Amino acid sequence: MSQDCMLPHGYRVGSRTVETHDTVTLTLHPIGGLPENHFTPGQFMMLYAHGVGEVAISISGDPSRDGDTLVHTIRNVGAVSRALHDAPVGTVLGVRGPFGRGWNLRTESGGDLIIVAGGVGLAPLRPVILAALAARDRFRRITLVVGARTPSNILFRSELSAWQSRDDLAVELTIDQPVSGWTGAVGFVTEALHRVPVDPTRTTALLCGPEPMMRFCARALTDRGVRPGDIQVSLERNMQCGAGVCGHCQLGELLLCRDGPIVDYTVAEPLLRTPEL
């Protein structure tokens, strides 16, 4: 383990975009001559708010274009994430990483890719969506299924609208409950997933969202013949060191900061069936 991975580097907030009532996207620029941040979609950074604490946040930027710039989409759910969420442009944050295992676009040429996002789970999936679209010729069919509680909870709205207008990407967007003025689909993500054509012999599926959602979506896919080894899920626990040392993020035999957060469903399935104390 490199000691450098335990040392936060200074990054300044360059821009702040409000996504929803409790979620923002921050663009961070390094202070000084730091090397470029090359990351795999699905990896995370440890972000430090001075005087408050540190938290793991997935990278939500474009892996092909960000260079030394980091993009993080942050939901206000606790003391540290609140401090990051509220940080104005110009704020200096501490950054460590990248850490963890990312999404594996192992689909052979001509395969199908199904990406399923629930709520803020779209943020860790955004980099792999962009990577897949940049290599569009590799895939026969790419389908994105996005679920949100209400229309006001949908992330990346302008980008999602652009994705919906593409001829080479199928997008299923649904909200949980009917809302006045909404003309799109209503229902849970699993219901939207049932509308997606699935060829189990050539499908890779990437799932990110609440664990019950991922469990039911994975079951819906395996019921249609998709092999568990062709399904990947994103698992989260209380990550603190980021290097597999402190043990706070242990789940079964996994240390999720090192062995995850992206895990094959063959490994994740028994863990998702086990209730935590």
C-alpha atoms as a PDB file:
ATOM      1  CA  MET A   1       0.000   0.000   0.000  1.00  0.00           C
ATOM      2  CA  SER A   2       1.370   3.389  -0.982  1.00  0.00           C
ATOM      3  CA  GLN A   3       1.479   5.963   1.814  1.00  0.00           C
ATOM      4  CA  ASP A   4       0.497   8.527  -0.821  1.00  0.00           C
ATOM      5  CA  CYS A   5      -3.004   7.048  -1.005  1.00  0.00           C
ATOM      6  CA  MET A   6      -3.522   8.025   2.642  1.00  0.00           C
ATOM      7  CA  LEU A   7      -2.509  11.663   2.086  1.00  0.00           C
ATOM      8  CA  PRO A   8      -5.258  14.059   0.945  1.00  0.00           C
ATOM      9  CA  HIS A   9      -4.385  16.439  -1.869  1.00  0.00           C
ATOM     10  CA  GLY A  10      -5.926  19.877  -2.144  1.00  0.00           C
ATOM     11  CA  TYR A  11      -8.654  20.400  -4.753  1.00  0.00           C
ATOM     12  CA  ARG A  12     -10.664  23.556  -5.287  1.00  0.00           C
ATOM     13  CA  VAL A  13     -14.367  23.554  -6.165  1.00  0.00           C
ATOM     14  CA  GLY A  14     -14.511  24.984  -9.680  1.00  0.00           C
ATOM     15  CA  SER A  15     -18.229  24.666 -10.319  1.00  0.00           C
ATOM     16  CA  ARG A  16     -21.369  23.584  -8.510  1.00  0.00           C
ATOM     17  CA  THR A  17     -24.447  22.306 -10.346  1.00  0.00           C
ATOM     18  CA  VAL A  18     -27.715  21.723  -8.505  1.00  0.00           C
ATOM     19  CA  GLU A  19     -29.197  18.400  -9.671  1.00  0.00           C
ATOM     20  CA  THR A  20     -32.119  18.011  -7.228  1.00  0.00           C
ATOM     21  CA  HIS A  21     -33.262  19.517  -3.930  1.00  0.00           C
ATOM     22  CA  ASP A  22     -30.630  17.467  -2.047  1.00  0.00           C
ATOM     23  CA  THR A  23     -28.006  16.592  -4.673  1.00  0.00           C
ATOM     24  CA  VAL A  24     -25.298  18.636  -6.390  1.00  0.00           C
ATOM     25  CA  THR A  25     -22.476  17.913  -8.815  1.00  0.00           C
ATOM     26  CA  LEU A  26     -19.094  19.433  -7.971  1.00  0.00           C
ATOM     27  CA  THR A  27     -16.232  19.889 -10.418  1.00  0.00           C
ATOM     28  CA  LEU A  28     -12.895  19.870  -8.591  1.00  0.00           C
ATOM     29  CA  HIS A  29      -9.553  21.180  -9.840  1.00  0.00           C
ATOM     30  CA  PRO A  30      -6.192  20.259  -8.250  1.00  0.00           C
ATOM     31  CA  ILE A  31      -4.112  22.854  -6.465  1.00  0.00           C
ATOM     32  CA  GLY A  32      -0.494  22.630  -7.600  1.00  0.00           C
ATOM     33  CA  GLY A  33       1.169  20.211  -9.966  1.00  0.00           C
ATOM     34  CA  LEU A  34      -0.723  17.010  -9.270  1.00  0.00           C
ATOM     35  CA  PRO A  35      -0.743  14.183 -11.808  1.00  0.00           C
ATOM     36  CA  GLU A  36      -3.831  13.497 -13.900  1.00  0.00           C
ATOM     37  CA  ASN A  37      -6.490  11.328 -12.277  1.00  0.00           C
ATOM     38  CA  HIS A  38      -6.964   8.275 -14.442  1.00  0.00           C
ATOM     39  CA  PHE A  39      -9.856   6.276 -13.068  1.00  0.00           C
ATOM     40  CA  THR A  40     -11.979   3.306 -13.991  1.00  0.00           C
ATOM     41  CA  PRO A  41     -15.736   3.969 -14.118  1.00  0.00           C
ATOM     42  CA  GLY A  42     -17.189   2.809 -10.815  1.00  0.00           C
ATOM     43  CA  GLN A  43     -14.196   3.788  -8.667  1.00  0.00           C
ATOM     44  CA  PHE A  44     -14.512   6.290  -5.831  1.00  0.00           C
ATOM     45  CA  MET A  45     -12.498   8.993  -4.094  1.00  0.00           C
ATOM     46  CA  MET A  46     -12.296   9.889  -0.419  1.00  0.00           C
ATOM     47  CA  LEU A  47     -13.375  13.527  -0.091  1.00  0.00           C
ATOM     48  CA  TYR A  48     -12.411  15.488   3.018  1.00  0.00           C
ATOM     49  CA  ALA A  49     -14.325  18.531   4.235  1.00  0.00           C
ATOM     50  CA  HIS A  50     -11.953  20.445   6.501  1.00  0.00           C
ATOM     51  CA  GLY A  51     -13.035  20.421  10.119  1.00  0.00           C
ATOM     52  CA  VAL A  52     -15.885  17.979   9.453  1.00  0.00           C
ATOM     53  CA  GLY A  53     -14.588  14.664   8.139  1.00  0.00           C
ATOM     54  CA  GLU A  54     -14.098  12.379   5.169  1.00  0.00           C
ATOM     55  CA  VAL A  55     -16.481  10.287   3.082  1.00  0.00           C
ATOM     56  CA  ALA A  56     -16.321   7.990   0.046  1.00  0.00           C
ATOM     57  CA  ILE A  57     -17.949   9.468  -3.067  1.00  0.00           C
ATOM     58  CA  SER A  58     -18.110   7.758  -6.457  1.00  0.00           C
ATOM     59  CA  ILE A  59     -16.649   9.571  -9.455  1.00  0.00           C
ATOM     60  CA  SER A  60     -19.371  10.727 -11.842  1.00  0.00           C
ATOM     61  CA  GLY A  61     -17.223  12.372 -14.527  1.00  0.00           C
ATOM     62  CA  ASP A  62     -16.339  11.396 -18.082  1.00  0.00           C
ATOM     63  CA  PRO A  63     -13.340   9.020 -17.947  1.00  0.00           C
ATOM     64  CA  SER A  64     -12.157  10.095 -21.390  1.00  0.00           C
ATOM     65  CA  ARG A  65     -12.151  13.851 -20.877  1.00  0.00           C
ATOM     66  CA  ASP A  66     -11.674  14.894 -17.276  1.00  0.00           C
ATOM     67  CA  GLY A  67      -7.865  14.693 -17.066  1.00  0.00           C
ATOM     68  CA  ASP A  68      -6.856  16.344 -13.799  1.00  0.00           C
ATOM     69  CA  THR A  69     -10.445  17.439 -13.131  1.00  0.00           C
ATOM     70  CA  LEU A  70     -12.692  15.403 -10.835  1.00  0.00           C
ATOM     71  CA  VAL A  71     -16.485  15.343 -10.985  1.00  0.00           C
ATOM     72  CA  HIS A  72     -18.540  14.115  -8.029  1.00  0.00           C
ATOM     73  CA  THR A  73     -22.290  14.010  -7.551  1.00  0.00           C
ATOM     74  CA  ILE A  74     -23.101  14.331  -3.846  1.00  0.00           C
ATOM     75  CA  ARG A  75     -26.344  13.760  -2.001  1.00  0.00           C
ATOM     76  CA  ASN A  76     -26.885  15.525   1.324  1.00  0.00           C
ATOM     77  CA  VAL A  77     -27.429  12.639   3.758  1.00  0.00           C
ATOM     78  CA  GLY A  78     -25.061  13.296   6.690  1.00  0.00           C
ATOM     79  CA  ALA A  79     -22.655  15.739   8.302  1.00  0.00           C
ATOM     80  CA  VAL A  80     -19.775  15.268   5.848  1.00  0.00           C
ATOM     81  CA  SER A  81     -21.891  14.982   2.719  1.00  0.00           C
ATOM     82  CA  ARG A  82     -23.805  18.074   3.875  1.00  0.00           C
ATOM     83  CA  ALA A  83     -20.560  20.039   4.151  1.00  0.00           C
ATOM     84  CA  LEU A  84     -19.526  18.886   0.672  1.00  0.00           C
ATOM     85  CA  HIS A  85     -23.000  19.525  -0.746  1.00  0.00           C
ATOM     86  CA  ASP A  86     -23.009  23.067   0.642  1.00  0.00           C
ATOM     87  CA  ALA A  87     -19.410  23.898  -0.361  1.00  0.00           C
ATOM     88  CA  PRO A  88     -19.415  27.052  -2.517  1.00  0.00           C
ATOM     89  CA  VAL A  89     -17.205  27.578  -5.551  1.00  0.00           C
ATOM     90  CA  GLY A  90     -13.650  28.263  -4.386  1.00  0.00           C
ATOM     91  CA  THR A  91     -13.772  25.927  -1.374  1.00  0.00           C
ATOM     92  CA  VAL A  92     -10.675  23.754  -0.923  1.00  0.00           C
ATOM     93  CA  LEU A  93     -11.343  20.070  -0.210  1.00  0.00           C
ATOM     94  CA  GLY A  94      -9.013  17.178   0.539  1.00  0.00           C
ATOM     95  CA  VAL A  95      -9.039  14.320  -1.972  1.00  0.00           C
ATOM     96  CA  ARG A  96      -7.584  10.788  -1.854  1.00  0.00           C
ATOM     97  CA  GLY A  97      -7.824   8.067  -4.471  1.00  0.00           C
ATOM     98  CA  PRO A  98      -9.068   6.697  -6.770  1.00  0.00           C
ATOM     99  CA  PHE A  99      -9.943   3.485  -4.919  1.00  0.00           C
ATOM    100  CA  GLY A 100     -11.765   0.235  -5.547  1.00  0.00           C
ATOM    101  CA  ARG A 101     -12.769  -1.977  -8.444  1.00  0.00           C
ATOM    102  CA  GLY A 102     -14.837  -0.481 -11.225  1.00  0.00           C
ATOM    103  CA  TRP A 103     -17.343  -1.677 -13.791  1.00  0.00           C
ATOM    104  CA  ASN A 104     -16.085  -4.294 -16.214  1.00  0.00           C
ATOM    105  CA  LEU A 105     -17.294  -3.774 -19.787  1.00  0.00           C
ATOM    106  CA  ARG A 106     -16.300  -7.303 -20.666  1.00  0.00           C
ATOM    107  CA  THR A 107     -19.071  -7.805 -23.189  1.00  0.00           C
ATOM    108  CA  GLU A 108     -17.682  -9.376 -26.326  1.00  0.00           C
ATOM    109  CA  SER A 109     -18.096  -7.486 -29.578  1.00  0.00           C
ATOM    110  CA  GLY A 110     -21.745  -7.627 -30.585  1.00  0.00           C
ATOM    111  CA  GLY A 111     -23.043  -8.176 -27.057  1.00  0.00           C
ATOM    112  CA  ASP A 112     -25.878  -6.380 -25.288  1.00  0.00           C
ATOM    113  CA  LEU A 113     -25.413  -4.035 -22.333  1.00  0.00           C
ATOM    114  CA  ILE A 114     -28.210  -3.344 -19.838  1.00  0.00           C
ATOM    115  CA  ILE A 115     -27.575  -0.572 -17.296  1.00  0.00           C
ATOM    116  CA  VAL A 116     -30.049  -0.164 -14.428  1.00  0.00           C
ATOM    117  CA  ALA A 117     -29.960   2.882 -12.129  1.00  0.00           C
ATOM    118  CA  GLY A 118     -32.142   3.650  -9.136  1.00  0.00           C
ATOM    119  CA  GLY A 119     -32.158   7.177  -7.704  1.00  0.00           C
ATOM    120  CA  VAL A 120     -28.693   8.571  -7.049  1.00  0.00           C
ATOM    121  CA  GLY A 121     -27.310   5.268  -8.378  1.00  0.00           C
ATOM    122  CA  LEU A 122     -27.217   6.957 -11.777  1.00  0.00           C
ATOM    123  CA  ALA A 123     -24.164   8.961 -10.637  1.00  0.00           C
ATOM    124  CA  PRO A 124     -21.703   6.023 -10.307  1.00  0.00           C
ATOM    125  CA  LEU A 125     -23.076   4.662 -13.595  1.00  0.00           C
ATOM    126  CA  ARG A 126     -22.651   7.886 -15.588  1.00  0.00           C
ATOM    127  CA  PRO A 127     -18.933   7.261 -16.351  1.00  0.00           C
ATOM    128  CA  VAL A 128     -19.596   3.735 -17.656  1.00  0.00           C
ATOM    129  CA  ILE A 129     -22.528   4.977 -19.752  1.00  0.00           C
ATOM    130  CA  LEU A 130     -20.239   7.557 -21.347  1.00  0.00           C
ATOM    131  CA  ALA A 131     -17.497   4.952 -21.841  1.00  0.00           C
ATOM    132  CA  ALA A 132     -19.956   2.548 -23.493  1.00  0.00           C
ATOM    133  CA  LEU A 133     -21.284   5.254 -25.805  1.00  0.00           C
ATOM    134  CA  ALA A 134     -17.721   6.209 -26.737  1.00  0.00           C
ATOM    135  CA  ALA A 135     -17.171   2.573 -27.774  1.00  0.00           C
ATOM    136  CA  ARG A 136     -20.639   2.156 -29.244  1.00  0.00           C
ATOM    137  CA  ASP A 137     -19.481  -0.109 -32.092  1.00  0.00           C
ATOM    138  CA  ARG A 138     -18.601  -2.816 -29.546  1.00  0.00           C
ATOM    139  CA  PHE A 139     -22.221  -3.399 -28.609  1.00  0.00           C
ATOM    140  CA  ARG A 140     -25.254  -4.622 -30.478  1.00  0.00           C
ATOM    141  CA  ARG A 141     -27.706  -2.976 -28.110  1.00  0.00           C
ATOM    142  CA  ILE A 142     -27.335  -0.656 -25.094  1.00  0.00           C
ATOM    143  CA  THR A 143     -30.318  -0.156 -22.806  1.00  0.00           C
ATOM    144  CA  LEU A 144     -30.472   2.262 -19.874  1.00  0.00           C
ATOM    145  CA  VAL A 145     -33.203   1.818 -17.258  1.00  0.00           C
ATOM    146  CA  VAL A 146     -33.541   4.749 -14.835  1.00  0.00           C
ATOM    147  CA  GLY A 147     -35.891   4.973 -11.882  1.00  0.00           C
ATOM    148  CA  ALA A 148     -36.549   7.906  -9.550  1.00  0.00           C
ATOM    149  CA  ARG A 149     -39.006   8.617  -6.772  1.00  0.00           C
ATOM    150  CA  THR A 150     -40.448  11.674  -8.539  1.00  0.00           C
ATOM    151  CA  PRO A 151     -39.528  13.754 -11.613  1.00  0.00           C
ATOM    152  CA  SER A 152     -37.792  16.249  -9.309  1.00  0.00           C
ATOM    153  CA  ASN A 153     -35.442  13.479  -8.125  1.00  0.00           C
ATOM    154  CA  ILE A 154     -34.078  12.696 -11.607  1.00  0.00           C
ATOM    155  CA  LEU A 155     -30.347  13.381 -11.985  1.00  0.00           C
ATOM    156  CA  PHE A 156     -28.578  14.812 -15.051  1.00  0.00           C
ATOM    157  CA  ARG A 157     -31.855  15.844 -16.686  1.00  0.00           C
ATOM    158  CA  SER A 158     -30.449  17.615 -19.749  1.00  0.00           C
ATOM    159  CA  GLU A 159     -27.984  14.807 -20.415  1.00  0.00           C
ATOM    160  CA  LEU A 160     -30.673  12.183 -19.887  1.00  0.00           C
ATOM    161  CA  SER A 161     -32.874  14.016 -22.390  1.00  0.00           C
ATOM    162  CA  ALA A 162     -30.012  13.929 -24.899  1.00  0.00           C
ATOM    163  CA  TRP A 163     -29.578  10.196 -24.298  1.00  0.00           C
ATOM    164  CA  GLN A 164     -33.296   9.646 -24.897  1.00  0.00           C
ATOM    165  CA  SER A 165     -32.997  11.328 -28.297  1.00  0.00           C
ATOM    166  CA  ARG A 166     -30.233   8.982 -29.500  1.00  0.00           C
ATOM    167  CA  ASP A 167     -31.049   6.248 -31.989  1.00  0.00           C
ATOM    168  CA  ASP A 168     -28.328   3.949 -30.647  1.00  0.00           C
ATOM    169  CA  LEU A 169     -29.400   3.963 -26.984  1.00  0.00           C
ATOM    170  CA  ALA A 170     -32.711   2.732 -25.579  1.00  0.00           C
ATOM    171  CA  VAL A 171     -33.790   4.570 -22.415  1.00  0.00           C
ATOM    172  CA  GLU A 172     -36.543   3.432 -20.041  1.00  0.00           C
ATOM    173  CA  LEU A 173     -37.321   6.193 -17.524  1.00  0.00           C
ATOM    174  CA  THR A 174     -39.851   5.618 -14.760  1.00  0.00           C
ATOM    175  CA  ILE A 175     -40.983   7.241 -11.511  1.00  0.00           C
ATOM    176  CA  ASP A 176     -42.345   5.375  -8.498  1.00  0.00           C
ATOM    177  CA  GLN A 177     -45.677   7.153  -8.036  1.00  0.00           C
ATOM    178  CA  PRO A 178     -47.951   9.117 -10.411  1.00  0.00           C
ATOM    179  CA  VAL A 179     -47.452  12.885 -10.301  1.00  0.00           C
ATOM    180  CA  SER A 180     -49.555  15.592 -11.910  1.00  0.00           C
ATOM    181  CA  GLY A 181     -48.068  16.640 -15.241  1.00  0.00           C
ATOM    182  CA  TRP A 182     -45.878  13.551 -15.654  1.00  0.00           C
ATOM    183  CA  THR A 183     -46.540  11.799 -18.977  1.00  0.00           C
ATOM    184  CA  GLY A 184     -43.858   9.136 -18.747  1.00  0.00           C
ATOM    185  CA  ALA A 185     -43.889   5.647 -17.289  1.00  0.00           C
ATOM    186  CA  VAL A 186     -44.941   5.052 -13.679  1.00  0.00           C
ATOM    187  CA  GLY A 187     -43.785   2.067 -11.653  1.00  0.00           C
ATOM    188  CA  PHE A 188     -40.733   0.574 -10.026  1.00  0.00           C
ATOM    189  CA  VAL A 189     -37.494  -0.049 -11.890  1.00  0.00           C
ATOM    190  CA  THR A 190     -38.182  -3.777 -11.941  1.00  0.00           C
ATOM    191  CA  GLU A 191     -41.367  -3.150 -13.923  1.00  0.00           C
ATOM    192  CA  ALA A 192     -39.453  -1.054 -16.460  1.00  0.00           C
ATOM    193  CA  LEU A 193     -36.827  -3.782 -16.684  1.00  0.00           C
ATOM    194  CA  HIS A 194     -39.514  -6.290 -17.703  1.00  0.00           C
ATOM    195  CA  ARG A 195     -40.120  -4.170 -20.826  1.00  0.00           C
ATOM    196  CA  VAL A 196     -36.489  -4.511 -21.932  1.00  0.00           C
ATOM    197  CA  PRO A 197     -35.694  -7.213 -24.512  1.00  0.00           C
ATOM    198  CA  VAL A 198     -33.133  -9.634 -23.076  1.00  0.00           C
ATOM    199  CA  ASP A 199     -30.955 -12.114 -24.941  1.00  0.00           C
ATOM    200  CA  PRO A 200     -29.414 -14.073 -22.044  1.00  0.00           C
ATOM    201  CA  THR A 201     -26.625 -15.477 -24.212  1.00  0.00           C
ATOM    202  CA  ARG A 202     -25.104 -12.063 -24.902  1.00  0.00           C
ATOM    203  CA  THR A 203     -26.163  -9.765 -22.037  1.00  0.00           C
ATOM    204  CA  THR A 204     -24.012  -7.960 -19.477  1.00  0.00           C
ATOM    205  CA  ALA A 205     -25.993  -6.072 -16.812  1.00  0.00           C
ATOM    206  CA  LEU A 206     -24.739  -3.299 -14.510  1.00  0.00           C
ATOM    207  CA  LEU A 207     -26.918  -2.406 -11.507  1.00  0.00           C
ATOM    208  CA  CYS A 208     -26.607   0.488  -9.057  1.00  0.00           C
ATOM    209  CA  GLY A 209     -29.171   1.706  -6.566  1.00  0.00           C
ATOM    210  CA  PRO A 210     -30.771   0.653  -3.287  1.00  0.00           C
ATOM    211  CA  GLU A 211     -29.877  -2.932  -2.419  1.00  0.00           C
ATOM    212  CA  PRO A 212     -33.480  -4.220  -2.527  1.00  0.00           C
ATOM    213  CA  MET A 213     -33.799  -2.770  -6.031  1.00  0.00           C
ATOM    214  CA  MET A 214     -30.592  -4.444  -7.182  1.00  0.00           C
ATOM    215  CA  ARG A 215     -31.630  -7.749  -5.643  1.00  0.00           C
ATOM    216  CA  PHE A 216     -35.016  -7.759  -7.400  1.00  0.00           C
ATOM    217  CA  CYS A 217     -33.547  -6.558 -10.705  1.00  0.00           C
ATOM    218  CA  ALA A 218     -30.856  -9.239 -10.597  1.00  0.00           C
ATOM    219  CA  ARG A 219     -33.511 -11.852  -9.864  1.00  0.00           C
ATOM    220  CA  ALA A 220     -35.618 -10.593 -12.780  1.00  0.00           C
ATOM    221  CA  LEU A 221     -32.611 -10.938 -15.080  1.00  0.00           C
ATOM    222  CA  THR A 222     -31.609 -14.397 -13.874  1.00  0.00           C
ATOM    223  CA  ASP A 223     -35.241 -15.522 -14.214  1.00  0.00           C
ATOM    224  CA  ARG A 224     -34.903 -14.589 -17.890  1.00  0.00           C
ATOM    225  CA  GLY A 225     -31.745 -16.645 -18.256  1.00  0.00           C
ATOM    226  CA  VAL A 226     -28.972 -14.115 -17.660  1.00  0.00           C
ATOM    227  CA  ARG A 227     -26.093 -15.768 -15.831  1.00  0.00           C
ATOM    228  CA  PRO A 228     -25.251 -14.322 -12.384  1.00  0.00           C
ATOM    229  CA  GLY A 229     -21.651 -13.952 -13.550  1.00  0.00           C
ATOM    230  CA  ASP A 230     -22.847 -11.538 -16.245  1.00  0.00           C
ATOM    231  CA  ILE A 231     -24.453  -9.227 -13.673  1.00  0.00           C
ATOM    232  CA  GLN A 232     -22.477  -6.634 -11.693  1.00  0.00           C
ATOM    233  CA  VAL A 233     -23.762  -4.657  -8.705  1.00  0.00           C
ATOM    234  CA  SER A 234     -22.407  -1.714  -6.715  1.00  0.00           C
ATOM    235  CA  LEU A 235     -22.220  -2.340  -2.963  1.00  0.00           C
ATOM    236  CA  GLU A 236     -21.629   0.341  -0.339  1.00  0.00           C
ATOM    237  CA  ARG A 237     -20.638   0.212   3.299  1.00  0.00           C
ATOM    238  CA  ASN A 238     -18.892   2.619   5.668  1.00  0.00           C
ATOM    239  CA  MET A 239     -15.604   3.091   3.812  1.00  0.00           C
ATOM    240  CA  GLN A 240     -12.974   4.951   5.799  1.00  0.00           C
ATOM    241  CA  CYS A 241      -9.386   4.114   4.829  1.00  0.00           C
ATOM    242  CA  GLY A 242     -10.050   3.250   1.174  1.00  0.00           C
ATOM    243  CA  ALA A 243      -7.150   0.801   1.155  1.00  0.00           C
ATOM    244  CA  GLY A 244      -8.562  -2.371   2.731  1.00  0.00           C
ATOM    245  CA  VAL A 245      -6.858  -1.826   6.099  1.00  0.00           C
ATOM    246  CA  CYS A 246      -9.349  -0.563   8.686  1.00  0.00           C
ATOM    247  CA  GLY A 247     -12.087  -3.149   8.067  1.00  0.00           C
ATOM    248  CA  HIS A 248     -15.038  -0.773   8.435  1.00  0.00           C
ATOM    249  CA  CYS A 249     -16.404  -1.730   5.015  1.00  0.00           C
ATOM    250  CA  GLN A 250     -16.193  -5.501   5.512  1.00  0.00           C
ATOM    251  CA  LEU A 251     -19.116  -7.460   4.089  1.00  0.00           C
ATOM    252  CA  GLY A 252     -18.668 -11.197   4.464  1.00  0.00           C
ATOM    253  CA  GLU A 253     -15.167 -11.929   3.216  1.00  0.00           C
ATOM    254  CA  LEU A 254     -15.050  -8.740   1.151  1.00  0.00           C
ATOM    255  CA  LEU A 255     -13.462  -5.424   1.998  1.00  0.00           C
ATOM    256  CA  LEU A 256     -15.563  -3.299  -0.294  1.00  0.00           C
ATOM    257  CA  CYS A 257     -13.109  -0.426  -0.639  1.00  0.00           C
ATOM    258  CA  ARG A 258     -10.638  -2.928  -2.111  1.00  0.00           C
ATOM    259  CA  ASP A 259     -12.749  -5.828  -3.449  1.00  0.00           C
ATOM    260  CA  GLY A 260     -15.628  -3.559  -4.526  1.00  0.00           C
ATOM    261  CA  PRO A 261     -17.588  -1.433  -4.749  1.00  0.00           C
ATOM    262  CA  ILE A 262     -18.357  -3.231  -8.023  1.00  0.00           C
ATOM    263  CA  VAL A 263     -18.928  -6.939  -7.380  1.00  0.00           C
ATOM    264  CA  ASP A 264     -20.095  -9.807  -9.571  1.00  0.00           C
ATOM    265  CA  TYR A 265     -23.552 -11.003  -8.590  1.00  0.00           C
ATOM    266  CA  THR A 266     -22.232 -14.533  -8.100  1.00  0.00           C
ATOM    267  CA  VAL A 267     -20.372 -13.123  -5.088  1.00  0.00           C
ATOM    268  CA  ALA A 268     -22.938 -10.521  -4.055  1.00  0.00           C
ATOM    269  CA  GLU A 269     -26.096 -12.655  -4.169  1.00  0.00           C
ATOM    270  CA  PRO A 270     -25.614 -14.538  -0.863  1.00  0.00           C
ATOM    271  CA  LEU A 271     -24.454 -11.322   0.815  1.00  0.00           C
ATOM    272  CA  LEU A 272     -27.568  -9.452  -0.282  1.00  0.00           C
ATOM    273  CA  ARG A 273     -29.709 -12.238   1.188  1.00  0.00           C
ATOM    274  CA  THR A 274     -28.095 -11.906   4.634  1.00  0.00           C
ATOM    275  CA  PRO A 275     -29.704  -9.304   6.932  1.00  0.00           C
ATOM    276  CA  GLU A 276     -27.313  -7.037   8.823  1.00  0.00           C
ATOM    277  CA  LEU A 277     -27.488  -6.626  12.586  1.00  0.00           C
END
